[in-house]
Amino acid sequence: MMLSNAAVYVRRILVDTQASSCLTQQLVLLIASIRKDII
């Protein structure tokens, strides 16, 4: 029981990190495009 709970927890963390890295990538692209507009 504990093992399956741990697996679910780890999977949730992995999904969260993937989503946050994707968001970070989009944020970086957005900032880059804004910077191009300013320059």
PDB file of N, CA and C in Angstrom:
ATOM      1  N   MET A   1       0.839  -1.201   0.000  1.00  0.00           N
ATOM      2  CA  MET A   1       0.000   0.000   0.000  1.00  0.00           C
ATOM      3  C   MET A   1       0.876   1.255   0.000  1.00  0.00           C
ATOM      4  N   MET A   2       1.867   1.268   0.871  1.00  0.00           N
ATOM      5  CA  MET A   2       2.757   2.426   0.953  1.00  0.00           C
ATOM      6  C   MET A   2       3.508   2.618  -0.364  1.00  0.00           C
ATOM      7  N   LEU A   3       3.920   1.499  -0.970  1.00  0.00           N
ATOM      8  CA  LEU A   3       4.717   1.566  -2.193  1.00  0.00           C
ATOM      9  C   LEU A   3       3.918   2.200  -3.327  1.00  0.00           C
ATOM     10  N   SER A   4       2.664   1.795  -3.472  1.00  0.00           N
ATOM     11  CA  SER A   4       1.837   2.348  -4.557  1.00  0.00           C
ATOM     12  C   SER A   4       1.578   3.835  -4.314  1.00  0.00           C
ATOM     13  N   ASN A   5       1.388   4.202  -3.052  1.00  0.00           N
ATOM     14  CA  ASN A   5       1.187   5.620  -2.728  1.00  0.00           C
ATOM     15  C   ASN A   5       2.433   6.423  -3.104  1.00  0.00           C
ATOM     16  N   ALA A   6       3.596   5.866  -2.810  1.00  0.00           N
ATOM     17  CA  ALA A   6       4.849   6.543  -3.136  1.00  0.00           C
ATOM     18  C   ALA A   6       4.984   6.696  -4.650  1.00  0.00           C
ATOM     19  N   ALA A   7       4.604   5.654  -5.393  1.00  0.00           N
ATOM     20  CA  ALA A   7       4.693   5.698  -6.856  1.00  0.00           C
ATOM     21  C   ALA A   7       3.788   6.796  -7.408  1.00  0.00           C
ATOM     22  N   VAL A   8       2.579   6.888  -6.869  1.00  0.00           N
ATOM     23  CA  VAL A   8       1.637   7.924  -7.309  1.00  0.00           C
ATOM     24  C   VAL A   8       2.204   9.303  -6.994  1.00  0.00           C
ATOM     25  N   TYR A   9       2.798   9.436  -5.809  1.00  0.00           N
ATOM     26  CA  TYR A   9       3.370  10.716  -5.382  1.00  0.00           C
ATOM     27  C   TYR A   9       4.506  11.137  -6.313  1.00  0.00           C
ATOM     28  N   VAL A  10       5.394  10.182  -6.609  1.00  0.00           N
ATOM     29  CA  VAL A  10       6.533  10.468  -7.491  1.00  0.00           C
ATOM     30  C   VAL A  10       6.037  10.851  -8.880  1.00  0.00           C
ATOM     31  N   ARG A  11       5.027  10.117  -9.368  1.00  0.00           N
ATOM     32  CA  ARG A  11       4.493  10.405 -10.700  1.00  0.00           C
ATOM     33  C   ARG A  11       3.896  11.814 -10.738  1.00  0.00           C
ATOM     34  N   ARG A  12       3.215  12.182  -9.658  1.00  0.00           N
ATOM     35  CA  ARG A  12       2.606  13.517  -9.578  1.00  0.00           C
ATOM     36  C   ARG A  12       3.688  14.595  -9.611  1.00  0.00           C
ATOM     37  N   ILE A  13       4.782  14.357  -8.883  1.00  0.00           N
ATOM     38  CA  ILE A  13       5.893  15.316  -8.862  1.00  0.00           C
ATOM     39  C   ILE A  13       6.486  15.457 -10.260  1.00  0.00           C
ATOM     40  N   LEU A  14       6.663  14.327 -10.960  1.00  0.00           N
ATOM     41  CA  LEU A  14       7.229  14.355 -12.306  1.00  0.00           C
ATOM     42  C   LEU A  14       6.333  15.147 -13.243  1.00  0.00           C
ATOM     43  N   VAL A  15       5.035  14.909 -13.164  1.00  0.00           N
ATOM     44  CA  VAL A  15       4.079  15.624 -14.022  1.00  0.00           C
ATOM     45  C   VAL A  15       4.133  17.118 -13.718  1.00  0.00           C
ATOM     46  N   ASP A  16       4.206  17.465 -12.427  1.00  0.00           N
ATOM     47  CA  ASP A  16       4.269  18.874 -12.028  1.00  0.00           C
ATOM     48  C   ASP A  16       5.527  19.542 -12.581  1.00  0.00           C
ATOM     49  N   THR A  17       6.662  18.843 -12.488  1.00  0.00           N
ATOM     50  CA  THR A  17       7.912  19.436 -12.957  1.00  0.00           C
ATOM     51  C   THR A  17       7.889  19.594 -14.472  1.00  0.00           C
ATOM     52  N   GLN A  18       7.298  18.624 -15.171  1.00  0.00           N
ATOM     53  CA  GLN A  18       7.194  18.731 -16.631  1.00  0.00           C
ATOM     54  C   GLN A  18       6.338  19.930 -17.004  1.00  0.00           C
ATOM     55  N   ALA A  19       5.212  20.102 -16.322  1.00  0.00           N
ATOM     56  CA  ALA A  19       4.310  21.214 -16.610  1.00  0.00           C
ATOM     57  C   ALA A  19       4.999  22.544 -16.308  1.00  0.00           C
ATOM     58  N   SER A  20       5.709  22.614 -15.186  1.00  0.00           N
ATOM     59  CA  SER A  20       6.360  23.868 -14.806  1.00  0.00           C
ATOM     60  C   SER A  20       7.502  24.198 -15.767  1.00  0.00           C
ATOM     61  N   SER A  21       8.221  23.174 -16.236  1.00  0.00           N
ATOM     62  CA  SER A  21       9.310  23.436 -17.179  1.00  0.00           C
ATOM     63  C   SER A  21       8.741  23.928 -18.505  1.00  0.00           C
ATOM     64  N   CYS A  22       7.594  23.381 -18.906  1.00  0.00           N
ATOM     65  CA  CYS A  22       6.935  23.824 -20.138  1.00  0.00           C
ATOM     66  C   CYS A  22       6.504  25.277 -19.979  1.00  0.00           C
ATOM     67  N   LEU A  23       5.932  25.604 -18.817  1.00  0.00           N
ATOM     68  CA  LEU A  23       5.506  26.982 -18.547  1.00  0.00           C
ATOM     69  C   LEU A  23       6.707  27.921 -18.553  1.00  0.00           C
ATOM     70  N   THR A  24       7.801  27.469 -17.954  1.00  0.00           N
ATOM     71  CA  THR A  24       9.007  28.292 -17.904  1.00  0.00           C
ATOM     72  C   THR A  24       9.516  28.566 -19.310  1.00  0.00           C
ATOM     73  N   GLN A  25       9.462  27.532 -20.172  1.00  0.00           N
ATOM     74  CA  GLN A  25       9.909  27.681 -21.554  1.00  0.00           C
ATOM     75  C   GLN A  25       9.063  28.729 -22.272  1.00  0.00           C
ATOM     76  N   GLN A  26       7.750  28.655 -22.082  1.00  0.00           N
ATOM     77  CA  GLN A  26       6.850  29.621 -22.719  1.00  0.00           C
ATOM     78  C   GLN A  26       7.132  31.029 -22.204  1.00  0.00           C
ATOM     79  N   LEU A  27       7.412  31.126 -20.897  1.00  0.00           N
ATOM     80  CA  LEU A  27       7.701  32.423 -20.285  1.00  0.00           C
ATOM     81  C   LEU A  27       8.975  33.019 -20.889  1.00  0.00           C
ATOM     82  N   VAL A  28      10.000  32.180 -21.057  1.00  0.00           N
ATOM     83  CA  VAL A  28      11.265  32.641 -21.631  1.00  0.00           C
ATOM     84  C   VAL A  28      11.051  33.130 -23.059  1.00  0.00           C
ATOM     85  N   LEU A  29      10.254  32.380 -23.833  1.00  0.00           N
ATOM     86  CA  LEU A  29       9.966  32.791 -25.211  1.00  0.00           C
ATOM     87  C   LEU A  29       9.229  34.120 -25.231  1.00  0.00           C
ATOM     88  N   LEU A  30       8.278  34.263 -24.312  1.00  0.00           N
ATOM     89  CA  LEU A  30       7.494  35.500 -24.225  1.00  0.00           C
ATOM     90  C   LEU A  30       8.406  36.684 -23.911  1.00  0.00           C
ATOM     91  N   ILE A  31       9.286  36.507 -22.921  1.00  0.00           N
ATOM     92  CA  ILE A  31      10.213  37.575 -22.530  1.00  0.00           C
ATOM     93  C   ILE A  31      11.147  37.911 -23.689  1.00  0.00           C
ATOM     94  N   ALA A  32      11.596  36.889 -24.417  1.00  0.00           N
ATOM     95  CA  ALA A  32      12.495  37.114 -25.550  1.00  0.00           C
ATOM     96  C   ALA A  32      11.802  37.933 -26.631  1.00  0.00           C
ATOM     97  N   SER A  33      10.553  37.613 -26.920  1.00  0.00           N
ATOM     98  CA  SER A  33       9.816  38.356 -27.951  1.00  0.00           C
ATOM     99  C   SER A  33       9.575  39.794 -27.505  1.00  0.00           C
ATOM    100  N   ILE A  34       9.272  39.981 -26.221  1.00  0.00           N
ATOM    101  CA  ILE A  34       9.061  41.338 -25.700  1.00  0.00           C
ATOM    102  C   ILE A  34      10.356  42.138 -25.799  1.00  0.00           C
ATOM    103  N   ARG A  35      11.469  41.494 -25.474  1.00  0.00           N
ATOM    104  CA  ARG A  35      12.761  42.173 -25.519  1.00  0.00           C
ATOM    105  C   ARG A  35      13.087  42.580 -26.960  1.00  0.00           C
ATOM    106  N   LYS A  36      12.738  41.726 -27.927  1.00  0.00           N
ATOM    107  CA  LYS A  36      12.976  42.054 -29.337  1.00  0.00           C
ATOM    108  C   LYS A  36      12.170  43.284 -29.729  1.00  0.00           C
ATOM    109  N   ASP A  37      10.948  43.375 -29.221  1.00  0.00           N
ATOM    110  CA  ASP A  37      10.099  44.532 -29.533  1.00  0.00           C
ATOM    111  C   ASP A  37      10.714  45.814 -28.973  1.00  0.00           C
ATOM    112  N   ILE A  38      11.301  45.721 -27.783  1.00  0.00           N
ATOM    113  CA  ILE A  38      11.875  46.906 -27.133  1.00  0.00           C
ATOM    114  C   ILE A  38      13.124  47.364 -27.881  1.00  0.00           C
ATOM    115  N   ILE A  39      13.973  46.420 -28.245  1.00  0.00           N
ATOM    116  CA  ILE A  39      15.252  46.769 -28.896  1.00  0.00           C
ATOM    117  C   ILE A  39      15.016  47.276 -30.323  1.00  0.00           C
TER     118      ILE A  39
END
